[in-house]
C-alpha atoms as a PDB file:
ATOM      1  CA  MET A   1     212.798  10.959 -44.161  1.00  0.00           C
ATOM      2  CA  SER A   2     213.571  14.389 -45.578  1.00  0.00           C
ATOM      3  CA  ALA A   3     212.139  17.518 -43.985  1.00  0.00           C
ATOM      4  CA  SER A   4     213.255  19.791 -46.827  1.00  0.00           C
ATOM      5  CA  TRP A   5     209.639  20.842 -47.347  1.00  0.00           C
ATOM      6  CA  LEU A   6     209.916  22.636 -43.985  1.00  0.00           C
ATOM      7  CA  ASP A   7     212.881  24.618 -45.317  1.00  0.00           C
ATOM      8  CA  GLU A   8     210.665  26.055 -48.028  1.00  0.00           C
ATOM      9  CA  ILE A   9     208.502  27.879 -45.470  1.00  0.00           C
ATOM     10  CA  ARG A  10     209.346  31.551 -44.886  1.00  0.00           C
ATOM     11  CA  TRP A  11     209.376  31.563 -41.087  1.00  0.00           C
ATOM     12  CA  THR A  12     209.161  34.808 -39.102  1.00  0.00           C
ATOM     13  CA  GLU A  13     212.163  35.991 -37.092  1.00  0.00           C
ATOM     14  CA  GLU A  14     210.579  34.160 -34.145  1.00  0.00           C
ATOM     15  CA  GLY A  15     210.542  30.931 -36.170  1.00  0.00           C
ATOM     16  CA  LEU A  16     206.769  30.949 -36.661  1.00  0.00           C
ATOM     17  CA  VAL A  17     204.348  30.867 -39.570  1.00  0.00           C
ATOM     18  CA  PRO A  18     200.698  32.043 -39.484  1.00  0.00           C
ATOM     19  CA  VAL A  19     198.107  29.310 -39.993  1.00  0.00           C
ATOM     20  CA  ILE A  20     194.477  29.535 -41.083  1.00  0.00           C
ATOM     21  CA  ALA A  21     192.206  26.580 -40.334  1.00  0.00           C
ATOM     22  CA  GLN A  22     189.112  26.145 -42.470  1.00  0.00           C
ATOM     23  CA  THR A  23     186.598  23.367 -42.927  1.00  0.00           C
ATOM     24  CA  SER A  24     186.272  21.554 -46.241  1.00  0.00           C
ATOM     25  CA  ALA A  25     183.067  23.576 -46.709  1.00  0.00           C
ATOM     26  CA  GLY A  26     185.263  26.705 -46.731  1.00  0.00           C
ATOM     27  CA  LYS A  27     184.370  28.146 -43.328  1.00  0.00           C
ATOM     28  CA  VAL A  28     187.361  29.768 -41.632  1.00  0.00           C
ATOM     29  CA  VAL A  29     187.265  28.641 -38.015  1.00  0.00           C
ATOM     30  CA  MET A  30     190.619  29.657 -36.583  1.00  0.00           C
ATOM     31  CA  PHE A  31     193.901  31.516 -36.901  1.00  0.00           C
ATOM     32  CA  ALA A  32     196.994  30.412 -35.001  1.00  0.00           C
ATOM     33  CA  TRP A  33     200.762  30.010 -35.274  1.00  0.00           C
ATOM     34  CA  MET A  34     203.050  27.050 -35.921  1.00  0.00           C
ATOM     35  CA  ASN A  35     206.753  26.493 -35.549  1.00  0.00           C
ATOM     36  CA  ARG A  36     208.771  23.831 -37.416  1.00  0.00           C
ATOM     37  CA  GLU A  37     208.054  21.187 -34.798  1.00  0.00           C
ATOM     38  CA  SER A  38     204.308  21.791 -34.682  1.00  0.00           C
ATOM     39  CA  LEU A  39     203.984  21.801 -38.490  1.00  0.00           C
ATOM     40  CA  ALA A  40     206.019  18.584 -38.727  1.00  0.00           C
ATOM     41  CA  LEU A  41     203.868  16.970 -36.003  1.00  0.00           C
ATOM     42  CA  THR A  42     200.681  18.121 -37.727  1.00  0.00           C
ATOM     43  CA  ASN A  43     201.840  16.470 -40.936  1.00  0.00           C
ATOM     44  CA  LYS A  44     202.993  13.309 -39.149  1.00  0.00           C
ATOM     45  CA  THR A  45     199.978  12.779 -36.859  1.00  0.00           C
ATOM     46  CA  GLY A  46     197.192  14.052 -39.137  1.00  0.00           C
ATOM     47  CA  PHE A  47     195.880  16.324 -36.377  1.00  0.00           C
ATOM     48  CA  ALA A  48     196.538  20.042 -35.843  1.00  0.00           C
ATOM     49  CA  VAL A  49     199.350  20.952 -33.476  1.00  0.00           C
ATOM     50  CA  TYR A  50     200.009  24.656 -32.991  1.00  0.00           C
ATOM     51  CA  TRP A  51     202.559  26.794 -31.164  1.00  0.00           C
ATOM     52  CA  SER A  52     200.993  28.707 -28.281  1.00  0.00           C
ATOM     53  CA  ARG A  53     202.718  32.080 -28.026  1.00  0.00           C
ATOM     54  CA  SER A  54     201.101  32.809 -24.664  1.00  0.00           C
ATOM     55  CA  ARG A  55     202.118  29.483 -23.118  1.00  0.00           C
ATOM     56  CA  GLN A  56     205.372  29.153 -25.092  1.00  0.00           C
ATOM     57  CA  ARG A  57     204.733  25.491 -25.826  1.00  0.00           C
ATOM     58  CA  LEU A  58     203.190  23.121 -28.335  1.00  0.00           C
ATOM     59  CA  TRP A  59     199.408  23.124 -28.262  1.00  0.00           C
ATOM     60  CA  ARG A  60     197.643  20.047 -29.566  1.00  0.00           C
ATOM     61  CA  LYS A  61     194.270  21.399 -30.645  1.00  0.00           C
ATOM     62  CA  GLY A  62     191.616  19.673 -28.568  1.00  0.00           C
ATOM     63  CA  GLU A  63     194.010  18.392 -25.890  1.00  0.00           C
ATOM     64  CA  GLU A  64     191.682  19.705 -23.180  1.00  0.00           C
ATOM     65  CA  SER A  65     188.373  20.272 -24.967  1.00  0.00           C
ATOM     66  CA  GLY A  66     188.412  17.154 -27.140  1.00  0.00           C
ATOM     67  CA  ASN A  67     187.689  19.313 -30.205  1.00  0.00           C
ATOM     68  CA  GLN A  68     190.573  18.108 -32.361  1.00  0.00           C
ATOM     69  CA  GLN A  69     191.171  19.188 -35.933  1.00  0.00           C
ATOM     70  CA  LYS A  70     191.693  16.265 -38.316  1.00  0.00           C
ATOM     71  CA  ILE A  71     193.838  17.326 -41.252  1.00  0.00           C
ATOM     72  CA  ILE A  72     192.482  16.873 -44.768  1.00  0.00           C
ATOM     73  CA  HIS A  73     195.074  18.996 -46.617  1.00  0.00           C
ATOM     74  CA  ILE A  74     198.000  21.260 -45.749  1.00  0.00           C
ATOM     75  CA  SER A  75     198.675  24.061 -48.242  1.00  0.00           C
ATOM     76  CA  VAL A  76     201.108  26.957 -48.402  1.00  0.00           C
ATOM     77  CA  ASP A  77     200.452  30.270 -50.125  1.00  0.00           C
ATOM     78  CA  CYS A  78     202.421  31.593 -53.100  1.00  0.00           C
ATOM     79  CA  ASP A  79     204.797  33.585 -50.867  1.00  0.00           C
ATOM     80  CA  GLU A  80     205.400  30.500 -48.701  1.00  0.00           C
ATOM     81  CA  ASP A  81     204.633  32.495 -45.553  1.00  0.00           C
ATOM     82  CA  VAL A  82     201.089  31.391 -44.649  1.00  0.00           C
ATOM     83  CA  ILE A  83     199.784  27.870 -44.086  1.00  0.00           C
ATOM     84  CA  LEU A  84     196.189  26.869 -44.821  1.00  0.00           C
ATOM     85  CA  LEU A  85     194.842  23.789 -43.095  1.00  0.00           C
ATOM     86  CA  GLU A  86     191.748  22.166 -44.515  1.00  0.00           C
ATOM     87  CA  ILE A  87     190.324  20.398 -41.507  1.00  0.00           C
ATOM     88  CA  GLU A  88     187.485  18.332 -40.166  1.00  0.00           C
ATOM     89  CA  GLN A  89     186.567  20.082 -36.918  1.00  0.00           C
ATOM     90  CA  GLN A  90     185.720  17.339 -34.460  1.00  0.00           C
ATOM     91  CA  GLY A  91     182.943  18.258 -32.072  1.00  0.00           C
ATOM     92  CA  GLY A  92     181.955  21.153 -34.358  1.00  0.00           C
ATOM     93  CA  ILE A  93     183.652  23.651 -32.030  1.00  0.00           C
ATOM     94  CA  ALA A  94     186.921  25.413 -32.875  1.00  0.00           C
ATOM     95  CA  CYS A  95     186.803  28.336 -30.448  1.00  0.00           C
ATOM     96  CA  HIS A  96     187.649  28.236 -26.746  1.00  0.00           C
ATOM     97  CA  THR A  97     184.459  30.267 -26.211  1.00  0.00           C
ATOM     98  CA  GLY A  98     182.425  27.204 -27.245  1.00  0.00           C
ATOM     99  CA  ARG A  99     181.546  28.489 -30.708  1.00  0.00           C
ATOM    100  CA  GLU A 100     181.990  26.891 -34.126  1.00  0.00           C
ATOM    101  CA  SER A 101     184.486  29.569 -35.200  1.00  0.00           C
ATOM    102  CA  CYS A 102     186.782  32.040 -33.477  1.00  0.00           C
ATOM    103  CA  PHE A 103     185.441  34.654 -35.906  1.00  0.00           C
ATOM    104  CA  TYR A 104     182.106  35.138 -34.181  1.00  0.00           C
ATOM    105  CA  ARG A 105     181.904  38.938 -34.159  1.00  0.00           C
ATOM    106  CA  THR A 106     181.144  41.197 -37.121  1.00  0.00           C
ATOM    107  CA  LEU A 107     181.675  44.945 -37.347  1.00  0.00           C
ATOM    108  CA  LYS A 108     178.405  46.774 -37.984  1.00  0.00           C
ATOM    109  CA  ASN A 109     177.905  50.514 -37.514  1.00  0.00           C
ATOM    110  CA  ASN A 110     181.272  50.755 -35.722  1.00  0.00           C
ATOM    111  CA  GLU A 111     180.287  48.117 -33.195  1.00  0.00           C
ATOM    112  CA  TRP A 112     181.337  44.461 -32.839  1.00  0.00           C
ATOM    113  CA  LEU A 113     178.212  42.306 -32.883  1.00  0.00           C
ATOM    114  CA  THR A 114     178.139  38.618 -31.947  1.00  0.00           C
ATOM    115  CA  ASN A 115     176.994  36.561 -34.932  1.00  0.00           C
ATOM    116  CA  SER A 116     176.994  33.010 -33.551  1.00  0.00           C
ATOM    117  CA  ALA A 117     175.813  31.240 -30.451  1.00  0.00           C
ATOM    118  CA  VAL A 118     177.803  29.311 -27.883  1.00  0.00           C
ATOM    119  CA  LEU A 119     177.364  25.620 -28.705  1.00  0.00           C
ATOM    120  CA  LYS A 120     178.926  24.327 -25.494  1.00  0.00           C
ATOM    121  CA  ASP A 121     179.765  26.035 -22.232  1.00  0.00           C
ATOM    122  CA  PRO A 122     183.568  26.415 -22.015  1.00  0.00           C
ATOM    123  CA  ALA A 123     183.407  25.331 -18.355  1.00  0.00           C
ATOM    124  CA  GLU A 124     182.247  21.912 -19.588  1.00  0.00           C
ATOM    125  CA  MET A 125     185.140  21.670 -22.091  1.00  0.00           C
ATOM    126  CA  TYR A 126     187.929  22.924 -19.852  1.00  0.00           C
ATOM    127  CA  LYS A 127     187.942  21.234 -16.479  1.00  0.00           C
ATOM    128  CA  LYS A 128     191.025  23.053 -15.139  1.00  0.00           C
END
């Protein structure tokens, strides 16, 4: 099995590529990073696997919360330096804060205002 498609990605000096996850309805729910291994695993398994920069390890989305991201399509932009995942967000929650999307604050009058409610208490999703 050839992985030449991975060679077409323009990886950062750290070996990463930015990734946007959006639902098939077009709602952007997350931004994260992938390395070669996580992108290959995402393609192979059909579920999102990211690279956690803070933990310096692979991060299988939903490994603790159960809120996995099932892959519908993987796309690359014209510069080959950004990945777009079209996903089905299982559990309806993408954010570790218990919200549908990580983009839950909007700038209004020079102030960040919360624009969506917590759907599930993070303490219930993360037992650690």
